[in-house]
Amino acid sequence: AVDRYLETKVNRKRKGSVSARWLNVLEPCLRRVVRELPDKTLV
């Protein structure tokens, strides 16, 4: 889910895309969350 979310943020054609600078902040933060939380399904 985090991978999909980050892919949608990179694509500038879609609503909700972010700048490269903001993506540089967002990606490491989300990757840290993925590392710390157990790898379960969303539900």
All heavy atoms as atom14 arrays in JSON, in Angstrom:
{
  "sequence": "AVDRYLETKVNRKRKGSVSARWLNVLEPCLRRVVRELPDKTLV",
  "atom14_mask": [
    [1, 1, 1, 1, 1, 0, 0, 0, 0, 0, 0, 0, 0, 0],
    [1, 1, 1, 1, 1, 1, 1, 0, 0, 0, 0, 0, 0, 0],
    [1, 1, 1, 1, 1, 1, 1, 1, 0, 0, 0, 0, 0, 0],
    [1, 1, 1, 1, 1, 1, 1, 1, 1, 1, 1, 0, 0, 0],
    [1, 1, 1, 1, 1, 1, 1, 1, 1, 1, 1, 1, 0, 0],
    [1, 1, 1, 1, 1, 1, 1, 1, 0, 0, 0, 0, 0, 0],
    [1, 1, 1, 1, 1, 1, 1, 1, 1, 0, 0, 0, 0, 0],
    [1, 1, 1, 1, 1, 1, 1, 0, 0, 0, 0, 0, 0, 0],
    [1, 1, 1, 1, 1, 1, 1, 1, 1, 0, 0, 0, 0, 0],
    [1, 1, 1, 1, 1, 1, 1, 0, 0, 0, 0, 0, 0, 0],
    [1, 1, 1, 1, 1, 1, 1, 1, 0, 0, 0, 0, 0, 0],
    [1, 1, 1, 1, 1, 1, 1, 1, 1, 1, 1, 0, 0, 0],
    [1, 1, 1, 1, 1, 1, 1, 1, 1, 0, 0, 0, 0, 0],
    [1, 1, 1, 1, 1, 1, 1, 1, 1, 1, 1, 0, 0, 0],
    [1, 1, 1, 1, 1, 1, 1, 1, 1, 0, 0, 0, 0, 0],
    [1, 1, 1, 1, 0, 0, 0, 0, 0, 0, 0, 0, 0, 0],
    [1, 1, 1, 1, 1, 1, 0, 0, 0, 0, 0, 0, 0, 0],
    [1, 1, 1, 1, 1, 1, 1, 0, 0, 0, 0, 0, 0, 0],
    [1, 1, 1, 1, 1, 1, 0, 0, 0, 0, 0, 0, 0, 0],
    [1, 1, 1, 1, 1, 0, 0, 0, 0, 0, 0, 0, 0, 0],
    [1, 1, 1, 1, 1, 1, 1, 1, 1, 1, 1, 0, 0, 0],
    [1, 1, 1, 1, 1, 1, 1, 1, 1, 1, 1, 1, 1, 1],
    [1, 1, 1, 1, 1, 1, 1, 1, 0, 0, 0, 0, 0, 0],
    [1, 1, 1, 1, 1, 1, 1, 1, 0, 0, 0, 0, 0, 0],
    [1, 1, 1, 1, 1, 1, 1, 0, 0, 0, 0, 0, 0, 0],
    [1, 1, 1, 1, 1, 1, 1, 1, 0, 0, 0, 0, 0, 0],
    [1, 1, 1, 1, 1, 1, 1, 1, 1, 0, 0, 0, 0, 0],
    [1, 1, 1, 1, 1, 1, 1, 0, 0, 0, 0, 0, 0, 0],
    [1, 1, 1, 1, 1, 1, 0, 0, 0, 0, 0, 0, 0, 0],
    [1, 1, 1, 1, 1, 1, 1, 1, 0, 0, 0, 0, 0, 0],
    [1, 1, 1, 1, 1, 1, 1, 1, 1, 1, 1, 0, 0, 0],
    [1, 1, 1, 1, 1, 1, 1, 1, 1, 1, 1, 0, 0, 0],
    [1, 1, 1, 1, 1, 1, 1, 0, 0, 0, 0, 0, 0, 0],
    [1, 1, 1, 1, 1, 1, 1, 0, 0, 0, 0, 0, 0, 0],
    [1, 1, 1, 1, 1, 1, 1, 1, 1, 1, 1, 0, 0, 0],
    [1, 1, 1, 1, 1, 1, 1, 1, 1, 0, 0, 0, 0, 0],
    [1, 1, 1, 1, 1, 1, 1, 1, 0, 0, 0, 0, 0, 0],
    [1, 1, 1, 1, 1, 1, 1, 0, 0, 0, 0, 0, 0, 0],
    [1, 1, 1, 1, 1, 1, 1, 1, 0, 0, 0, 0, 0, 0],
    [1, 1, 1, 1, 1, 1, 1, 1, 1, 0, 0, 0, 0, 0],
    [1, 1, 1, 1, 1, 1, 1, 0, 0, 0, 0, 0, 0, 0],
    [1, 1, 1, 1, 1, 1, 1, 1, 0, 0, 0, 0, 0, 0],
    [1, 1, 1, 1, 1, 1, 1, 0, 0, 0, 0, 0, 0, 0]
  ],
  "atom14_positions": [
    [[0.83, -1.21, 0.0], [0.0, 0.0, 0.0], [0.86, 1.25, 0.0], [0.56, 2.23, -0.71], [-0.93, -0.01, 1.21], [0.0, 0.0, 0.0], [0.0, 0.0, 0.0], [0.0, 0.0, 0.0], [0.0, 0.0, 0.0], [0.0, 0.0, 0.0], [0.0, 0.0, 0.0], [0.0, 0.0, 0.0], [0.0, 0.0, 0.0], [0.0, 0.0, 0.0]],
    [[1.95, 1.25, 0.77], [2.85, 2.41, 0.79], [3.52, 2.57, -0.58], [3.63, 3.69, -1.09], [3.9, 2.27, 1.92], [5.02, 3.28, 1.78], [3.21, 2.43, 3.28], [0.0, 0.0, 0.0], [0.0, 0.0, 0.0], [0.0, 0.0, 0.0], [0.0, 0.0, 0.0], [0.0, 0.0, 0.0], [0.0, 0.0, 0.0], [0.0, 0.0, 0.0]],
    [[3.94, 1.46, -1.19], [4.54, 1.54, -2.52], [3.57, 2.15, -3.53], [3.95, 3.04, -4.3], [4.96, 0.15, -3.01], [6.19, -0.38, -2.29], [6.91, 0.44, -1.66], [6.43, -1.6, -2.37], [0.0, 0.0, 0.0], [0.0, 0.0, 0.0], [0.0, 0.0, 0.0], [0.0, 0.0, 0.0], [0.0, 0.0, 0.0], [0.0, 0.0, 0.0]],
    [[2.33, 1.68, -3.51], [1.32, 2.24, -4.43], [1.08, 3.72, -4.17], [0.94, 4.5, -5.1], [0.0, 1.49, -4.29], [-0.06, 0.21, -5.04], [-1.49, -0.27, -5.06], [-1.59, -1.59, -5.64], [-2.71, -2.25, -5.77], [-3.83, -1.74, -5.33], [-2.73, -3.43, -6.32], [0.0, 0.0, 0.0], [0.0, 0.0, 0.0], [0.0, 0.0, 0.0]],
    [[1.01, 4.07, -2.91], [0.77, 5.47, -2.54], [1.89, 6.37, -3.07], [1.64, 7.41, -3.68], [0.65, 5.6, -1.02], [0.5, 7.01, -0.55], [-0.72, 7.67, -0.68], [1.55, 7.7, 0.03], [-0.87, 8.97, -0.25], [1.42, 8.99, 0.46], [0.21, 9.63, 0.32], [0.06, 10.93, 0.74], [0.0, 0.0, 0.0], [0.0, 0.0, 0.0]],
    [[3.13, 5.92, -2.86], [4.26, 6.73, -3.33], [4.29, 6.82, -4.85], [4.66, 7.87, -5.41], [5.58, 6.16, -2.79], [5.78, 6.36, -1.28], [7.01, 5.6, -0.82], [5.89, 7.83, -0.93], [0.0, 0.0, 0.0], [0.0, 0.0, 0.0], [0.0, 0.0, 0.0], [0.0, 0.0, 0.0], [0.0, 0.0, 0.0], [0.0, 0.0, 0.0]],
    [[3.91, 5.75, -5.55], [3.86, 5.8, -7.02], [2.86, 6.84, -7.5], [3.12, 7.53, -8.48], [3.46, 4.42, -7.57], [4.55, 3.39, -7.5], [4.05, 2.01, -7.91], [2.97, 1.91, -8.54], [4.72, 1.03, -7.58], [0.0, 0.0, 0.0], [0.0, 0.0, 0.0], [0.0, 0.0, 0.0], [0.0, 0.0, 0.0], [0.0, 0.0, 0.0]],
    [[1.73, 6.96, -6.83], [0.72, 7.96, -7.26], [1.2, 9.37, -6.98], [0.81, 10.3, -7.68], [-0.64, 7.75, -6.56], [-0.48, 7.96, -5.15], [-1.2, 6.39, -6.84], [0.0, 0.0, 0.0], [0.0, 0.0, 0.0], [0.0, 0.0, 0.0], [0.0, 0.0, 0.0], [0.0, 0.0, 0.0], [0.0, 0.0, 0.0], [0.0, 0.0, 0.0]],
    [[2.05, 9.56, -5.99], [2.53, 10.9, -5.65], [3.58, 11.38, -6.62], [3.76, 12.58, -6.8], [3.08, 10.93, -4.21], [2.03, 10.72, -3.16], [0.97, 11.76, -3.27], [-0.25, 11.49, -2.45], [-1.34, 12.39, -2.72], [0.0, 0.0, 0.0], [0.0, 0.0, 0.0], [0.0, 0.0, 0.0], [0.0, 0.0, 0.0], [0.0, 0.0, 0.0]],
    [[4.31, 10.47, -7.25], [5.35, 10.84, -8.2], [4.74, 11.29, -9.52], [5.23, 12.2, -10.18], [6.32, 9.65, -8.42], [7.32, 9.95, -9.51], [7.02, 9.32, -7.12], [0.0, 0.0, 0.0], [0.0, 0.0, 0.0], [0.0, 0.0, 0.0], [0.0, 0.0, 0.0], [0.0, 0.0, 0.0], [0.0, 0.0, 0.0], [0.0, 0.0, 0.0]],
    [[3.66, 10.67, -9.92], [3.03, 10.96, -11.2], [2.42, 12.36, -11.19], [1.46, 12.63, -10.52], [1.95, 9.89, -11.47], [1.32, 10.06, -12.83], [1.6, 11.01, -13.55], [0.46, 9.13, -13.17], [0.0, 0.0, 0.0], [0.0, 0.0, 0.0], [0.0, 0.0, 0.0], [0.0, 0.0, 0.0], [0.0, 0.0, 0.0], [0.0, 0.0, 0.0]],
    [[2.95, 13.26, -11.98], [2.5, 14.65, -11.97], [1.15, 14.84, -12.67], [0.54, 15.88, -12.54], [3.55, 15.54, -12.63], [4.83, 15.56, -11.86], [5.44, 16.93, -11.97], [6.56, 17.03, -11.08], [6.51, 17.58, -9.88], [5.4, 18.07, -9.42], [7.58, 17.67, -9.14], [0.0, 0.0, 0.0], [0.0, 0.0, 0.0], [0.0, 0.0, 0.0]],
    [[0.7, 13.86, -13.42], [-0.55, 14.0, -14.16], [-1.77, 13.77, -13.26], [-2.86, 14.17, -13.6], [-0.59, 13.01, -15.33], [0.46, 13.3, -16.36], [0.45, 12.26, -17.45], [1.6, 12.52, -18.41], [1.74, 11.46, -19.38], [0.0, 0.0, 0.0], [0.0, 0.0, 0.0], [0.0, 0.0, 0.0], [0.0, 0.0, 0.0], [0.0, 0.0, 0.0]],
    [[-1.59, 13.11, -12.15], [-2.71, 12.79, -11.27], [-2.91, 13.84, -10.22], [-1.97, 14.49, -9.76], [-2.47, 11.46, -10.58], [-2.48, 10.3, -11.54], [-2.4, 9.03, -10.81], [-3.67, 8.85, -10.08], [-3.99, 7.74, -9.44], [-3.16, 6.74, -9.44], [-5.12, 7.62, -8.81], [0.0, 0.0, 0.0], [0.0, 0.0, 0.0], [0.0, 0.0, 0.0]],
    [[-4.14, 13.98, -9.82], [-4.46, 14.87, -8.71], [-3.82, 14.32, -7.44], [-3.85, 13.13, -7.2], [-5.99, 14.94, -8.54], [-6.43, 15.84, -7.43], [-7.94, 15.85, -7.32], [-8.37, 16.72, -6.17], [-9.8, 16.67, -5.97], [0.0, 0.0, 0.0], [0.0, 0.0, 0.0], [0.0, 0.0, 0.0], [0.0, 0.0, 0.0], [0.0, 0.0, 0.0]],
    [[-3.23, 15.19, -6.65], [-2.59, 14.74, -5.42], [-1.1, 14.52, -5.56], [-0.46, 14.09, -4.61], [0.0, 0.0, 0.0], [0.0, 0.0, 0.0], [0.0, 0.0, 0.0], [0.0, 0.0, 0.0], [0.0, 0.0, 0.0], [0.0, 0.0, 0.0], [0.0, 0.0, 0.0], [0.0, 0.0, 0.0], [0.0, 0.0, 0.0], [0.0, 0.0, 0.0]],
    [[-0.52, 14.8, -6.72], [0.92, 14.65, -6.88], [1.64, 15.69, -6.04], [1.11, 16.75, -5.74], [1.31, 14.83, -8.34], [0.78, 13.78, -9.12], [0.0, 0.0, 0.0], [0.0, 0.0, 0.0], [0.0, 0.0, 0.0], [0.0, 0.0, 0.0], [0.0, 0.0, 0.0], [0.0, 0.0, 0.0], [0.0, 0.0, 0.0], [0.0, 0.0, 0.0]],
    [[2.85, 15.36, -5.65], [3.64, 16.27, -4.81], [4.95, 16.62, -5.53], [5.36, 15.94, -6.47], [3.95, 15.66, -3.43], [2.67, 15.43, -2.66], [4.73, 14.37, -3.56], [0.0, 0.0, 0.0], [0.0, 0.0, 0.0], [0.0, 0.0, 0.0], [0.0, 0.0, 0.0], [0.0, 0.0, 0.0], [0.0, 0.0, 0.0], [0.0, 0.0, 0.0]],
    [[5.59, 17.65, -5.02], [6.86, 18.06, -5.62], [7.95, 17.07, -5.24], [7.81, 16.29, -4.3], [7.25, 19.45, -5.11], [7.56, 19.39, -3.73], [0.0, 0.0, 0.0], [0.0, 0.0, 0.0], [0.0, 0.0, 0.0], [0.0, 0.0, 0.0], [0.0, 0.0, 0.0], [0.0, 0.0, 0.0], [0.0, 0.0, 0.0], [0.0, 0.0, 0.0]],
    [[9.06, 17.12, -5.98], [10.17, 16.22, -5.72], [10.75, 16.46, -4.32], [11.14, 15.51, -3.63], [11.25, 16.4, -6.78], [0.0, 0.0, 0.0], [0.0, 0.0, 0.0], [0.0, 0.0, 0.0], [0.0, 0.0, 0.0], [0.0, 0.0, 0.0], [0.0, 0.0, 0.0], [0.0, 0.0, 0.0], [0.0, 0.0, 0.0], [0.0, 0.0, 0.0]],
    [[10.77, 17.72, -3.89], [11.31, 18.04, -2.54], [10.42, 17.42, -1.45], [10.92, 16.87, -0.48], [11.4, 19.54, -2.37], [12.52, 20.13, -3.24], [12.58, 21.62, -3.15], [12.98, 22.05, -1.82], [12.84, 23.28, -1.37], [12.29, 24.21, -2.14], [13.23, 23.6, -0.16], [0.0, 0.0, 0.0], [0.0, 0.0, 0.0], [0.0, 0.0, 0.0]],
    [[9.11, 17.54, -1.64], [8.22, 16.97, -0.63], [8.27, 15.44, -0.66], [8.22, 14.79, 0.38], [6.79, 17.46, -0.84], [5.81, 16.89, 0.15], [4.76, 16.1, -0.12], [5.84, 17.03, 1.58], [4.11, 15.73, 1.05], [4.76, 16.3, 2.11], [6.7, 17.69, 2.46], [4.5, 16.23, 3.46], [6.43, 17.62, 3.83], [5.34, 16.89, 4.31]],
    [[8.45, 14.86, -1.83], [8.57, 13.41, -1.95], [9.83, 12.93, -1.23], [9.82, 11.87, -0.61], [8.6, 13.0, -3.42], [8.55, 11.5, -3.68], [7.23, 10.92, -3.18], [8.72, 11.21, -5.15], [0.0, 0.0, 0.0], [0.0, 0.0, 0.0], [0.0, 0.0, 0.0], [0.0, 0.0, 0.0], [0.0, 0.0, 0.0], [0.0, 0.0, 0.0]],
    [[10.91, 13.74, -1.28], [12.15, 13.39, -0.57], [11.95, 13.37, 0.94], [12.69, 12.69, 1.66], [13.27, 14.36, -0.93], [13.76, 14.17, -2.35], [13.57, 13.1, -2.93], [14.36, 15.2, -2.93], [0.0, 0.0, 0.0], [0.0, 0.0, 0.0], [0.0, 0.0, 0.0], [0.0, 0.0, 0.0], [0.0, 0.0, 0.0], [0.0, 0.0, 0.0]],
    [[10.97, 14.11, 1.45], [10.65, 14.1, 2.88], [9.68, 12.94, 3.18], [9.84, 12.21, 4.16], [10.01, 15.45, 3.31], [9.49, 15.38, 4.72], [11.01, 16.57, 3.13], [0.0, 0.0, 0.0], [0.0, 0.0, 0.0], [0.0, 0.0, 0.0], [0.0, 0.0, 0.0], [0.0, 0.0, 0.0], [0.0, 0.0, 0.0], [0.0, 0.0, 0.0]],
    [[8.7, 12.78, 2.32], [7.63, 11.81, 2.53], [8.11, 10.37, 2.44], [7.76, 9.54, 3.29], [6.52, 12.07, 1.5], [5.22, 11.33, 1.65], [4.55, 11.67, 2.96], [4.28, 11.69, 0.5], [0.0, 0.0, 0.0], [0.0, 0.0, 0.0], [0.0, 0.0, 0.0], [0.0, 0.0, 0.0], [0.0, 0.0, 0.0], [0.0, 0.0, 0.0]],
    [[8.9, 10.07, 1.44], [9.31, 8.69, 1.2], [10.11, 8.08, 2.36], [9.76, 7.0, 2.85], [10.08, 8.55, -0.11], [10.37, 7.1, -0.45], [10.91, 6.93, -1.86], [11.19, 7.95, -2.54], [11.06, 5.79, -2.26], [0.0, 0.0, 0.0], [0.0, 0.0, 0.0], [0.0, 0.0, 0.0], [0.0, 0.0, 0.0], [0.0, 0.0, 0.0]],
    [[11.16, 8.73, 2.86], [11.9, 8.11, 3.98], [11.03, 7.93, 5.23], [11.15, 6.95, 5.96], [13.04, 9.08, 4.26], [13.11, 9.98, 3.1], [11.81, 9.95, 2.41], [0.0, 0.0, 0.0], [0.0, 0.0, 0.0], [0.0, 0.0, 0.0], [0.0, 0.0, 0.0], [0.0, 0.0, 0.0], [0.0, 0.0, 0.0], [0.0, 0.0, 0.0]],
    [[10.14, 8.88, 5.43], [9.25, 8.81, 6.59], [8.33, 7.58, 6.49], [8.19, 6.81, 7.44], [8.45, 10.1, 6.68], [7.51, 10.24, 8.19], [0.0, 0.0, 0.0], [0.0, 0.0, 0.0], [0.0, 0.0, 0.0], [0.0, 0.0, 0.0], [0.0, 0.0, 0.0], [0.0, 0.0, 0.0], [0.0, 0.0, 0.0], [0.0, 0.0, 0.0]],
    [[7.72, 7.4, 5.32], [6.83, 6.25, 5.13], [7.6, 4.93, 5.14], [7.1, 3.92, 5.65], [6.05, 6.4, 3.83], [4.94, 7.45, 3.86], [4.32, 7.61, 2.48], [3.88, 7.09, 4.87], [0.0, 0.0, 0.0], [0.0, 0.0, 0.0], [0.0, 0.0, 0.0], [0.0, 0.0, 0.0], [0.0, 0.0, 0.0], [0.0, 0.0, 0.0]],
    [[8.81, 4.92, 4.6], [9.62, 3.69, 4.61], [9.96, 3.29, 6.05], [10.02, 2.11, 6.39], [10.9, 3.88, 3.8], [10.68, 4.1, 2.34], [10.2, 2.85, 1.66], [9.93, 3.14, 0.25], [9.0, 2.54, -0.45], [8.25, 1.6, 0.11], [8.78, 2.84, -1.68], [0.0, 0.0, 0.0], [0.0, 0.0, 0.0], [0.0, 0.0, 0.0]],
    [[10.19, 4.29, 6.9], [10.47, 4.01, 8.31], [9.25, 3.38, 8.98], [9.37, 2.44, 9.76], [10.85, 5.29, 9.03], [11.17, 5.07, 10.47], [11.68, 6.33, 11.13], [11.87, 6.07, 12.53], [11.59, 6.92, 13.49], [11.1, 8.11, 13.19], [11.78, 6.61, 14.74], [0.0, 0.0, 0.0], [0.0, 0.0, 0.0], [0.0, 0.0, 0.0]],
    [[8.07, 3.9, 8.65], [6.83, 3.34, 9.2], [6.68, 1.89, 8.76], [6.34, 1.01, 9.56], [5.61, 4.18, 8.75], [4.32, 3.5, 9.15], [5.67, 5.58, 9.32], [0.0, 0.0, 0.0], [0.0, 0.0, 0.0], [0.0, 0.0, 0.0], [0.0, 0.0, 0.0], [0.0, 0.0, 0.0], [0.0, 0.0, 0.0], [0.0, 0.0, 0.0]],
    [[6.97, 1.61, 7.49], [6.87, 0.24, 6.96], [7.83, -0.69, 7.71], [7.48, -1.81, 8.04], [7.16, 0.21, 5.44], [7.36, -1.19, 4.93], [6.03, 0.89, 4.7], [0.0, 0.0, 0.0], [0.0, 0.0, 0.0], [0.0, 0.0, 0.0], [0.0, 0.0, 0.0], [0.0, 0.0, 0.0], [0.0, 0.0, 0.0], [0.0, 0.0, 0.0]],
    [[9.04, -0.21, 7.99], [10.03, -1.03, 8.71], [9.59, -1.32, 10.14], [9.81, -2.41, 10.65], [11.39, -0.33, 8.74], [12.24, -0.54, 7.54], [13.69, -0.11, 7.78], [13.85, 1.16, 8.46], [13.88, 2.36, 7.86], [13.78, 2.44, 6.55], [14.05, 3.46, 8.55], [0.0, 0.0, 0.0], [0.0, 0.0, 0.0], [0.0, 0.0, 0.0]],
    [[8.98, -0.34, 10.79], [8.66, -0.49, 12.22], [7.35, -1.23, 12.48], [7.22, -1.86, 13.52], [8.63, 0.89, 12.89], [10.01, 1.5, 12.96], [10.03, 2.79, 13.74], [9.05, 3.1, 14.44], [11.03, 3.51, 13.63], [0.0, 0.0, 0.0], [0.0, 0.0, 0.0], [0.0, 0.0, 0.0], [0.0, 0.0, 0.0], [0.0, 0.0, 0.0]],
    [[6.41, -1.11, 11.58], [5.14, -1.82, 11.78], [5.24, -3.22, 11.19], [5.91, -3.42, 10.19], [3.98, -1.06, 11.12], [3.53, 0.22, 11.83], [2.42, 0.9, 11.05], [3.05, -0.08, 13.24], [0.0, 0.0, 0.0], [0.0, 0.0, 0.0], [0.0, 0.0, 0.0], [0.0, 0.0, 0.0], [0.0, 0.0, 0.0], [0.0, 0.0, 0.0]],
    [[4.56, -4.18, 11.79], [4.6, -5.54, 11.24], [3.98, -5.57, 9.85], [3.12, -4.76, 9.53], [3.78, -6.36, 12.23], [2.99, -5.38, 13.02], [3.7, -4.07, 12.96], [0.0, 0.0, 0.0], [0.0, 0.0, 0.0], [0.0, 0.0, 0.0], [0.0, 0.0, 0.0], [0.0, 0.0, 0.0], [0.0, 0.0, 0.0], [0.0, 0.0, 0.0]],
    [[4.5, -6.49, 9.02], [4.0, -6.57, 7.64], [2.71, -7.39, 7.61], [2.72, -8.57, 7.32], [5.07, -7.19, 6.73], [4.74, -6.94, 5.27], [4.09, -5.93, 4.97], [5.14, -7.76, 4.43], [0.0, 0.0, 0.0], [0.0, 0.0, 0.0], [0.0, 0.0, 0.0], [0.0, 0.0, 0.0], [0.0, 0.0, 0.0], [0.0, 0.0, 0.0]],
    [[1.62, -6.71, 7.94], [0.31, -7.33, 7.9], [-0.48, -6.7, 6.75], [-0.07, -5.7, 6.19], [-0.45, -7.05, 9.19], [0.15, -7.63, 10.43], [-0.87, -7.59, 11.55], [-0.49, -6.64, 12.63], [-1.44, -6.6, 13.74], [0.0, 0.0, 0.0], [0.0, 0.0, 0.0], [0.0, 0.0, 0.0], [0.0, 0.0, 0.0], [0.0, 0.0, 0.0]],
    [[-1.62, -7.3, 6.45], [-2.5, -6.66, 5.47], [-3.19, -5.49, 6.15], [-3.28, -5.42, 7.38], [-3.55, -7.65, 4.93], [-4.35, -8.1, 6.02], [-2.9, -8.82, 4.22], [0.0, 0.0, 0.0], [0.0, 0.0, 0.0], [0.0, 0.0, 0.0], [0.0, 0.0, 0.0], [0.0, 0.0, 0.0], [0.0, 0.0, 0.0], [0.0, 0.0, 0.0]],
    [[-3.71, -4.58, 5.34], [-4.32, -3.37, 5.89], [-5.5, -3.67, 6.82], [-5.67, -3.0, 7.83], [-4.76, -2.44, 4.76], [-3.64, -1.88, 3.89], [-4.21, -1.03, 2.77], [-2.66, -1.08, 4.72], [0.0, 0.0, 0.0], [0.0, 0.0, 0.0], [0.0, 0.0, 0.0], [0.0, 0.0, 0.0], [0.0, 0.0, 0.0], [0.0, 0.0, 0.0]],
    [[-6.31, -4.66, 6.5], [-7.48, -4.95, 7.33], [-7.12, -5.6, 8.66], [-7.95, -5.65, 9.56], [-8.52, -5.83, 6.59], [-9.06, -5.13, 5.38], [-7.94, -7.17, 6.23], [0.0, 0.0, 0.0], [0.0, 0.0, 0.0], [0.0, 0.0, 0.0], [0.0, 0.0, 0.0], [0.0, 0.0, 0.0], [0.0, 0.0, 0.0], [0.0, 0.0, 0.0]]
  ]
}
